[in-house]
Amino acid sequence: MFCRDIIILTSQILLKEAETILNLQRRCYNRVKKGRSTWWKEHGQTDNMAHHTHLITEDLYRDTDPVPEDTPKVQGYDFNQGVDHRALLQSYLNTGFQATNVGLAIQEINNMETHVHAFVISRQDCCDALFTCLPVKVLRYRGVRNPVKAVNGFVEEDPSTCPCLTSCTIFLSYTSNLISSGIRETIRYLAEHRMVDVLVTTAGGVEEDLIKCLGPVYIGDFTLPGKDLYEKGLNRTGNTLMPDENYVKFEKWMTPILEQMLLEQNTQGVRWTPSKVIHRLGKEINNPESVYYWAYKNNIPVFSPALTDGAIGDMLYLFSAKNPGLIVDIIEDISKLNNLAVAANSTGMITLGGGVAKHHTCNANAWRDGADYVVYCDQAQEFDGCDSGARPDEAVSWGKIRVDAKPVKVFGDATIIFPLLVAETFALHATTAACKKRE
């Protein structure tokens, strides 16, 4: 009984203390509230936070300076007009955000094409003439173009006097994943119809085109487990699947070509370069589905400074172990690529993705004080300082793009964007010309 009484007494004391504390809190709150209400009353306000507007020192909205009359107005496509894909693409220019950049990229490529078609020149004659005027030696000082001289010191024919170089030389660079995708067919179309003058890519951008002539690549899914694919002999690139057996076919196809190349080097003194290797592979594949078949047929130079970074490198590694001595010279190629830029009357760069292909193209154009027309298409950002994500303005600072150029960067997936660009530029011009010819 005694213990129970103690517990009851203690509980009563605690309840009284709790009640006292609660009363103190209520008094403090009422005093604060009373003080706040008194302040609002003294200033002629009620206790309503919506009446702080007297504290605003300026109007929220400012006077607008006159907008130039020719400033485009935002307006998208009106589907009440029906489905017109050309009109839809044309509406991108005034849609805003990356759609506007797509529209600007279309304009920039059309400017390249306008410069090209301002002169009636045979592209075959162009390519034949280019390599008769090289090599050249030009000192790299910004804003200074020195006389073109041969390496041994005597004055050589100036490549810029070639009639083929009075128009715009178009450089197209792209990463290997685009050849893995269906963009391969878009690039093949451009090479087939001689719509670009120079191709720059990576090893994968070469080998995957050739491998597709030997075996198919399949659509898969981004989420397929790597372990399961490995056990099935499937290699995933994004949501595409390359069977391992395709590489077996590629090795069987390529080994005899490497043997012949080594023989020609030893017996005829042929000095192989990446561009010459790709030229030979385009000849040997002999398949009109291939980008490099058409580059070979139309004498379009293809540069790949990292030719060993992929399955071709694997083939060279295995081949050289059994047949040592094959040499591939990258120095001759850098001279050819740079000279193509230096000798050009004007240049246009279309870069799809980043990496070595983009930088190699831009760096070549630095030797001529920068490209005149530029379109970048990639999703990379500049914040890590990598060239892949650099905006065109960074290239201007290096002299890779002319200061008076109007370059465009489209942030987006090239598999979506590039076919749209080609549809409204190169392909449109070709279709229009074909229609006029039939008339």
Protein backbone atom coordinates (compact mmCIF):
# COMPACT_ATOMS: atom_id res chain seq x y z
CA MET A 1 0.00 0.00 0.00
CA PHE A 2 2.80 2.34 0.90
CA CYS A 3 4.52 1.93 -2.50
CA ARG A 4 1.27 2.48 -4.37
CA ASP A 5 0.62 5.72 -2.45
CA ILE A 6 4.13 6.96 -3.28
CA ILE A 7 3.57 6.29 -7.00
CA ILE A 8 0.21 8.09 -7.00
CA LEU A 9 1.68 11.09 -5.17
CA THR A 10 4.61 11.29 -7.59
CA SER A 11 2.26 11.17 -10.58
CA GLN A 12 0.18 14.01 -9.18
CA ILE A 13 3.29 16.16 -8.66
CA LEU A 14 4.46 15.51 -12.25
CA LEU A 15 1.04 16.39 -13.66
CA LYS A 16 1.02 19.67 -11.73
CA GLU A 17 4.49 20.58 -13.02
CA ALA A 18 3.46 19.75 -16.58
CA GLU A 19 0.36 21.94 -16.23
CA THR A 20 2.51 24.80 -14.88
CA ILE A 21 4.91 24.55 -17.85
CA LEU A 22 2.01 24.50 -20.30
CA ASN A 23 0.52 27.65 -18.75
CA LEU A 24 3.87 29.43 -19.01
CA GLN A 25 4.12 28.51 -22.71
CA ARG A 26 0.62 29.87 -23.36
CA ARG A 27 1.45 33.17 -21.63
CA CYS A 28 4.64 33.59 -23.67
CA TYR A 29 2.80 32.86 -26.91
CA ASN A 30 0.05 35.36 -26.07
CA ARG A 31 2.59 38.05 -25.26
CA VAL A 32 4.41 37.51 -28.56
CA LYS A 33 1.14 37.50 -30.46
CA LYS A 34 -0.03 40.62 -28.68
CA GLY A 35 3.26 42.37 -29.44
CA ARG A 36 3.10 41.42 -33.11
CA SER A 37 -0.51 42.54 -33.42
CA THR A 38 0.35 45.84 -31.74
CA TRP A 39 3.16 46.41 -34.30
CA TRP A 40 0.84 45.80 -37.25
CA LYS A 41 -1.83 48.11 -35.73
CA GLU A 42 0.72 50.88 -35.20
CA HIS A 43 1.69 50.61 -38.88
CA GLY A 44 -1.88 50.55 -40.08
CA GLN A 45 -1.80 46.88 -41.10
CA THR A 46 -3.71 43.79 -40.04
CA ASP A 47 -2.10 40.58 -38.98
CA ASN A 48 -2.10 39.27 -42.58
CA MET A 49 1.17 38.39 -44.37
CA ALA A 50 -0.35 39.31 -47.75
CA HIS A 51 0.04 43.01 -46.91
CA HIS A 52 3.83 43.23 -47.12
CA THR A 53 3.55 44.95 -50.51
CA HIS A 54 4.37 48.39 -48.99
CA LEU A 55 7.92 47.09 -48.46
CA ILE A 56 8.51 46.59 -52.24
CA THR A 57 10.69 49.44 -53.45
CA GLU A 58 10.23 48.93 -57.23
CA ASP A 59 7.62 47.64 -59.63
CA LEU A 60 8.03 43.93 -60.36
CA TYR A 61 7.70 44.46 -64.11
CA ARG A 62 10.06 46.77 -65.96
CA ASP A 63 9.70 48.79 -69.10
CA THR A 64 10.71 46.77 -72.19
CA ASP A 65 13.14 48.19 -74.71
CA PRO A 66 11.83 48.13 -78.28
CA VAL A 67 12.36 44.69 -79.87
CA PRO A 68 13.67 44.82 -83.47
CA GLU A 69 10.88 44.13 -85.95
CA ASP A 70 12.79 41.30 -87.63
CA THR A 71 13.16 39.34 -84.36
CA PRO A 72 11.56 35.88 -84.86
CA LYS A 73 8.48 35.13 -82.79
CA VAL A 74 7.99 31.80 -81.05
CA GLN A 75 5.49 29.71 -82.98
CA GLY A 76 5.25 25.95 -83.41
CA TYR A 77 3.71 23.78 -86.07
CA ASP A 78 -0.07 23.84 -86.47
CA PHE A 79 -1.33 20.31 -87.10
CA ASN A 80 -4.66 21.77 -88.23
CA GLN A 81 -2.81 22.28 -91.51
CA GLY A 82 -2.41 18.53 -91.87
CA VAL A 83 0.76 16.47 -91.67
CA ASP A 84 3.49 18.12 -93.72
CA HIS A 85 6.90 16.86 -92.64
CA ARG A 86 8.83 19.54 -94.49
CA ALA A 87 6.75 22.28 -92.94
CA LEU A 88 7.18 20.59 -89.56
CA LEU A 89 10.98 20.70 -89.89
CA GLN A 90 10.86 24.29 -91.08
CA SER A 91 8.80 25.21 -88.02
CA TYR A 92 11.62 24.04 -85.75
CA LEU A 93 13.46 27.30 -86.33
CA ASN A 94 10.81 29.24 -84.37
CA THR A 95 9.83 26.50 -81.91
CA GLY A 96 12.50 27.31 -79.33
CA PHE A 97 15.04 25.33 -77.31
CA GLN A 98 16.89 22.56 -79.21
CA ALA A 99 14.31 22.59 -82.00
CA THR A 100 15.52 26.09 -82.88
CA ASN A 101 19.11 24.83 -82.84
CA VAL A 102 18.09 22.10 -85.28
CA GLY A 103 16.62 24.80 -87.51
CA LEU A 104 19.83 26.83 -87.26
CA ALA A 105 21.89 23.72 -88.06
CA ILE A 106 19.80 23.20 -91.19
CA GLN A 107 20.55 26.76 -92.23
CA GLU A 108 24.28 26.31 -91.55
CA ILE A 109 24.49 23.12 -93.64
CA ASN A 110 22.52 24.80 -96.41
CA ASN A 111 25.10 27.60 -96.32
CA MET A 112 27.82 24.99 -96.87
CA GLU A 113 25.87 23.50 -99.75
CA THR A 114 25.17 26.91 -101.26
CA HIS A 115 28.90 27.59 -101.27
CA VAL A 116 29.53 24.18 -102.83
CA HIS A 117 26.96 24.54 -105.60
CA ALA A 118 27.99 28.07 -106.44
CA PHE A 119 30.64 26.41 -108.60
CA VAL A 120 30.06 23.61 -111.11
CA ILE A 121 32.99 21.37 -110.23
CA SER A 122 33.43 17.62 -110.63
CA ARG A 123 34.10 16.13 -107.21
CA GLN A 124 36.09 13.34 -108.88
CA ASP A 125 38.37 15.94 -110.48
CA CYS A 126 38.49 17.64 -107.09
CA CYS A 127 39.78 14.57 -105.30
CA ASP A 128 42.26 13.72 -108.06
CA ALA A 129 43.67 17.24 -108.00
CA LEU A 130 43.96 17.47 -104.23
CA PHE A 131 46.71 14.94 -103.87
CA THR A 132 48.81 16.23 -106.79
CA CYS A 133 49.52 19.45 -104.91
CA LEU A 134 50.74 17.99 -101.64
CA PRO A 135 52.65 18.03 -99.34
CA VAL A 136 52.79 21.65 -98.28
CA LYS A 137 54.42 23.42 -95.37
CA VAL A 138 52.52 26.18 -93.63
CA LEU A 139 53.70 27.85 -90.42
CA ARG A 140 51.00 27.89 -87.76
CA TYR A 141 50.73 31.51 -86.67
CA ARG A 142 47.24 32.81 -86.04
CA GLY A 143 46.19 35.35 -88.63
CA VAL A 144 49.27 34.75 -90.84
CA ARG A 145 49.18 32.62 -93.99
CA ASN A 146 52.73 32.02 -95.24
CA PRO A 147 53.56 31.12 -98.85
CA VAL A 148 53.09 27.45 -99.62
CA LYS A 149 56.50 25.80 -100.01
CA ALA A 150 57.69 22.25 -100.50
CA VAL A 151 59.43 20.58 -97.61
CA ASN A 152 62.82 20.85 -99.33
CA GLY A 153 62.44 24.62 -99.65
CA PHE A 154 61.52 25.27 -103.27
CA VAL A 155 58.18 26.84 -104.15
CA GLU A 156 55.59 24.26 -105.14
CA GLU A 157 52.26 24.72 -106.86
CA ASP A 158 49.84 26.33 -104.43
CA PRO A 159 47.05 23.80 -103.69
CA SER A 160 44.63 26.69 -103.20
CA THR A 161 44.83 27.36 -106.96
CA CYS A 162 43.25 24.00 -107.77
CA PRO A 163 39.87 24.72 -109.43
CA CYS A 164 38.23 22.09 -107.24
CA LEU A 165 39.02 24.14 -104.15
CA THR A 166 37.02 27.21 -105.11
CA SER A 167 34.02 25.77 -103.29
CA CYS A 168 33.41 24.58 -99.72
CA THR A 169 35.23 21.45 -98.56
CA ILE A 170 32.93 19.58 -96.16
CA PHE A 171 34.42 17.51 -93.34
CA LEU A 172 32.13 14.95 -91.66
CA SER A 173 33.35 13.37 -88.41
CA TYR A 174 31.46 10.73 -86.45
CA THR A 175 31.95 8.23 -83.65
CA SER A 176 31.81 4.47 -84.08
CA ASN A 177 28.46 4.01 -82.33
CA LEU A 178 26.74 5.85 -85.17
CA ILE A 179 27.98 3.24 -87.64
CA SER A 180 26.72 0.61 -85.18
CA SER A 181 23.32 2.27 -85.50
CA GLY A 182 21.21 2.95 -88.58
CA ILE A 183 22.98 6.28 -89.09
CA ARG A 184 25.42 4.17 -91.09
CA GLU A 185 22.93 4.25 -93.97
CA THR A 186 22.67 8.05 -93.77
CA ILE A 187 26.46 8.42 -93.93
CA ARG A 188 26.62 5.88 -96.75
CA TYR A 189 24.11 7.97 -98.71
CA LEU A 190 26.30 11.06 -98.36
CA ALA A 191 29.39 9.15 -99.52
CA GLU A 192 27.51 7.45 -102.36
CA HIS A 193 26.40 10.78 -103.82
CA ARG A 194 29.65 12.65 -103.10
CA MET A 195 27.94 15.12 -100.81
CA VAL A 196 30.88 15.34 -98.40
CA ASP A 197 34.58 15.62 -99.17
CA VAL A 198 36.37 14.20 -96.13
CA LEU A 199 35.38 11.57 -93.54
CA VAL A 200 37.01 11.33 -90.11
CA THR A 201 36.11 8.52 -87.72
CA THR A 202 37.41 5.95 -85.25
CA ALA A 203 38.42 2.31 -85.76
CA GLY A 204 34.95 1.15 -84.77
CA GLY A 205 33.48 3.55 -87.30
CA VAL A 206 35.35 1.63 -90.00
CA GLU A 207 35.18 -1.98 -88.89
CA GLU A 208 31.50 -2.04 -87.93
CA ASP A 209 30.54 -0.87 -91.41
CA LEU A 210 32.57 -3.71 -92.95
CA ILE A 211 31.32 -6.27 -90.42
CA LYS A 212 27.71 -5.40 -91.24
CA CYS A 213 28.45 -6.54 -94.79
CA LEU A 214 29.44 -9.94 -93.38
CA GLY A 215 26.70 -10.44 -90.78
CA PRO A 216 23.73 -8.61 -89.24
CA VAL A 217 23.57 -6.50 -86.10
CA TYR A 218 20.37 -6.82 -84.06
CA ILE A 219 18.15 -4.54 -82.00
CA GLY A 220 18.19 -5.52 -78.33
CA ASP A 221 17.56 -3.54 -75.16
CA PHE A 222 19.61 -1.22 -72.96
CA THR A 223 18.76 -3.31 -69.89
CA LEU A 224 19.84 -6.76 -71.09
CA PRO A 225 22.19 -8.26 -68.45
CA GLY A 226 25.82 -8.28 -69.55
CA LYS A 227 26.49 -11.68 -67.96
CA ASP A 228 23.71 -13.35 -69.95
CA LEU A 229 24.84 -11.73 -73.19
CA TYR A 230 28.45 -12.77 -72.61
CA GLU A 231 27.41 -16.40 -72.17
CA LYS A 232 25.42 -16.20 -75.42
CA GLY A 233 28.27 -14.66 -77.42
CA LEU A 234 26.50 -11.33 -77.92
CA ASN A 235 28.15 -7.92 -77.51
CA ARG A 236 25.92 -4.99 -76.55
CA THR A 237 26.38 -1.46 -77.84
CA GLY A 238 23.56 0.57 -76.30
CA ASN A 239 20.49 -1.36 -77.37
CA THR A 240 22.12 -3.05 -80.38
CA LEU A 241 23.66 -6.54 -80.34
CA MET A 242 26.71 -7.68 -82.30
CA PRO A 243 27.19 -11.49 -82.46
CA ASP A 244 30.73 -12.70 -81.74
CA GLU A 245 30.58 -14.85 -84.86
CA ASN A 246 30.61 -11.65 -86.93
CA TYR A 247 34.13 -10.95 -85.66
CA VAL A 248 35.18 -14.47 -86.66
CA LYS A 249 33.94 -13.74 -90.19
CA PHE A 250 35.72 -10.39 -90.13
CA GLU A 251 39.04 -12.00 -89.18
CA LYS A 252 38.75 -14.59 -91.95
CA TRP A 253 37.94 -11.85 -94.45
CA MET A 254 40.68 -9.47 -93.34
CA THR A 255 43.66 -11.79 -92.88
CA PRO A 256 44.28 -12.36 -96.63
CA ILE A 257 44.05 -8.59 -97.19
CA LEU A 258 46.71 -7.95 -94.55
CA GLU A 259 48.91 -10.60 -96.16
CA GLN A 260 48.59 -8.86 -99.52
CA MET A 261 49.31 -5.47 -97.94
CA LEU A 262 52.50 -6.81 -96.34
CA LEU A 263 53.54 -8.31 -99.67
CA GLU A 264 53.00 -5.00 -101.49
CA GLN A 265 54.96 -3.17 -98.80
CA ASN A 266 57.92 -5.54 -99.17
CA THR A 267 57.90 -5.92 -102.96
CA GLN A 268 56.53 -2.59 -104.23
CA GLY A 269 57.55 -0.24 -101.45
CA VAL A 270 53.96 0.72 -100.61
CA ARG A 271 53.87 2.87 -97.48
CA TRP A 272 50.57 2.19 -95.79
CA THR A 273 48.65 4.81 -93.84
CA PRO A 274 45.28 4.51 -92.06
CA SER A 275 43.54 6.26 -94.99
CA LYS A 276 45.21 3.91 -97.51
CA VAL A 277 44.24 0.89 -95.43
CA ILE A 278 40.60 2.06 -95.32
CA HIS A 279 40.72 2.76 -99.07
CA ARG A 280 41.86 -0.83 -99.68
CA LEU A 281 39.25 -2.28 -97.33
CA GLY A 282 36.54 -0.33 -99.17
CA LYS A 283 37.76 -1.79 -102.44
CA GLU A 284 37.92 -5.34 -101.09
CA ILE A 285 34.50 -5.33 -99.42
CA ASN A 286 32.95 -4.54 -102.82
CA ASN A 287 29.49 -4.07 -101.34
CA PRO A 288 27.26 -1.05 -102.13
CA GLU A 289 25.81 -1.22 -98.61
CA SER A 290 29.18 -0.11 -97.24
CA VAL A 291 30.16 3.49 -96.48
CA TYR A 292 33.77 2.75 -97.37
CA TYR A 293 32.93 1.03 -100.63
CA TRP A 294 31.49 4.35 -101.80
CA ALA A 295 34.37 6.30 -100.28
CA TYR A 296 36.68 4.09 -102.36
CA LYS A 297 34.54 4.43 -105.50
CA ASN A 298 34.29 8.21 -105.18
CA ASN A 299 37.86 8.73 -103.92
CA ILE A 300 36.69 10.32 -100.66
CA PRO A 301 39.56 10.22 -98.14
CA VAL A 302 38.76 8.62 -94.79
CA PHE A 303 41.00 9.43 -91.84
CA SER A 304 41.14 7.36 -88.66
CA PRO A 305 44.09 8.31 -86.44
CA ALA A 306 43.08 5.68 -83.86
CA LEU A 307 42.72 2.83 -86.36
CA THR A 308 44.16 0.31 -83.89
CA ASP A 309 41.52 1.02 -81.22
CA GLY A 310 39.09 -1.77 -82.01
CA ALA A 311 38.72 -5.04 -83.90
CA ILE A 312 41.05 -3.82 -86.66
CA GLY A 313 43.69 -3.35 -83.96
CA ASP A 314 42.99 -6.89 -82.77
CA MET A 315 43.49 -8.18 -86.32
CA LEU A 316 46.76 -6.24 -86.68
CA TYR A 317 47.97 -7.54 -83.31
CA LEU A 318 47.30 -11.19 -84.18
CA PHE A 319 48.57 -10.83 -87.74
CA SER A 320 51.81 -9.13 -86.70
CA ALA A 321 52.55 -11.87 -84.19
CA LYS A 322 52.73 -14.38 -87.05
CA ASN A 323 53.78 -12.02 -89.86
CA PRO A 324 55.88 -9.20 -88.39
CA GLY A 325 56.86 -6.14 -90.38
CA LEU A 326 53.64 -4.45 -91.54
CA ILE A 327 53.91 -0.69 -90.99
CA VAL A 328 51.03 1.82 -90.92
CA ASP A 329 52.29 5.42 -90.97
CA ILE A 330 50.07 8.00 -89.24
CA ILE A 331 52.36 10.94 -90.02
CA GLU A 332 51.59 10.95 -93.73
CA ASP A 333 47.88 11.02 -92.94
CA ILE A 334 48.08 14.00 -90.62
CA SER A 335 49.86 15.87 -93.40
CA LYS A 336 47.14 14.95 -95.90
CA LEU A 337 44.30 15.93 -93.59
CA ASN A 338 45.84 19.24 -92.57
CA ASN A 339 46.69 20.07 -96.18
CA LEU A 340 43.10 19.44 -97.25
CA ALA A 341 42.00 22.08 -94.76
CA VAL A 342 44.82 24.52 -95.55
CA ALA A 343 44.30 24.34 -99.31
CA ALA A 344 40.51 24.71 -99.18
CA ASN A 345 38.85 27.93 -100.26
CA SER A 346 36.39 27.48 -97.39
CA THR A 347 35.52 24.60 -95.10
CA GLY A 348 32.48 23.22 -93.32
CA MET A 349 32.61 20.87 -90.34
CA ILE A 350 29.80 18.55 -89.29
CA THR A 351 30.75 16.65 -86.14
CA LEU A 352 28.56 13.87 -84.76
CA GLY A 353 29.67 13.02 -81.24
CA GLY A 354 33.06 13.90 -79.83
CA GLY A 355 36.33 12.18 -79.12
CA VAL A 356 39.30 11.85 -81.43
CA ALA A 357 37.24 12.20 -84.63
CA LYS A 358 35.86 15.60 -83.62
CA HIS A 359 39.17 16.94 -82.34
CA HIS A 360 41.14 15.65 -85.34
CA THR A 361 38.77 17.50 -87.67
CA CYS A 362 38.79 20.71 -85.66
CA ASN A 363 42.55 20.68 -85.26
CA ALA A 364 43.08 20.33 -89.01
CA ASN A 365 40.95 23.42 -89.55
CA ALA A 366 43.03 25.39 -87.05
CA TRP A 367 45.80 25.37 -89.66
CA ARG A 368 43.64 27.52 -91.92
CA ASP A 369 42.56 29.96 -89.19
CA GLY A 370 39.35 28.03 -88.58
CA ALA A 371 36.38 26.53 -90.37
CA ASP A 372 33.82 28.81 -92.01
CA TYR A 373 30.70 26.72 -91.33
CA VAL A 374 30.22 24.46 -88.31
CA VAL A 375 27.54 22.15 -86.92
CA TYR A 376 28.13 20.12 -83.75
CA CYS A 377 25.65 17.43 -82.74
CA ASP A 378 26.21 15.68 -79.42
CA GLN A 379 24.93 15.38 -75.87
CA ALA A 380 28.20 16.04 -74.05
CA GLN A 381 28.64 18.95 -71.63
CA GLU A 382 31.68 21.20 -71.31
CA PHE A 383 31.94 21.18 -67.53
CA ASP A 384 34.67 18.52 -67.31
CA GLY A 385 36.88 20.41 -69.76
CA CYS A 386 36.75 17.58 -72.30
CA ASP A 387 36.76 18.57 -75.97
CA SER A 388 33.88 16.17 -76.64
CA GLY A 389 31.45 18.50 -74.87
CA ALA A 390 33.09 21.80 -75.72
CA ARG A 391 30.83 24.41 -77.29
CA PRO A 392 31.91 25.96 -80.61
CA ASP A 393 32.98 29.15 -78.85
CA GLU A 394 35.79 27.24 -77.15
CA ALA A 395 37.04 26.15 -80.57
CA VAL A 396 36.97 29.81 -81.68
CA SER A 397 39.46 30.59 -78.91
CA TRP A 398 41.83 27.98 -80.38
CA GLY A 399 41.43 29.24 -83.94
CA LYS A 400 39.61 26.06 -85.01
CA ILE A 401 36.51 28.04 -86.00
CA ARG A 402 36.70 31.49 -87.59
CA VAL A 403 35.77 34.41 -85.38
CA ASP A 404 33.16 35.60 -87.90
CA ALA A 405 31.56 32.15 -88.31
CA LYS A 406 28.07 31.35 -87.02
CA PRO A 407 28.53 27.85 -85.60
CA VAL A 408 25.65 25.82 -84.20
CA LYS A 409 25.63 23.11 -81.55
CA VAL A 410 22.58 20.88 -81.24
CA PHE A 411 22.40 19.12 -77.88
CA GLY A 412 20.80 15.79 -78.63
CA ASP A 413 21.02 12.23 -79.90
CA ALA A 414 22.50 12.18 -83.41
CA THR A 415 20.43 9.10 -84.29
CA ILE A 416 17.37 11.34 -84.03
CA ILE A 417 18.78 14.63 -85.27
CA PHE A 418 21.17 13.81 -88.12
CA PRO A 419 18.60 12.15 -90.44
CA LEU A 420 16.40 15.24 -90.02
CA LEU A 421 19.31 17.51 -90.93
CA VAL A 422 20.13 15.45 -94.01
CA ALA A 423 16.48 15.29 -95.04
CA GLU A 424 16.20 19.07 -95.09
CA THR A 425 19.60 19.74 -96.68
CA PHE A 426 21.64 17.25 -98.75
CA ALA A 427 18.78 14.89 -99.61
CA LEU A 428 16.37 17.73 -100.33
CA HIS A 429 18.80 19.36 -102.74
CA ALA A 430 19.43 16.04 -104.50
CA THR A 431 15.71 15.32 -104.82
CA THR A 432 15.01 18.83 -106.12
CA ALA A 433 17.83 18.56 -108.66
CA ALA A 434 16.58 15.15 -109.83
CA CYS A 435 13.06 16.50 -110.30
CA LYS A 436 14.35 19.45 -112.34
CA LYS A 437 16.44 17.09 -114.47
CA ARG A 438 13.39 14.95 -115.27
CA GLU A 439 11.45 18.06 -116.27
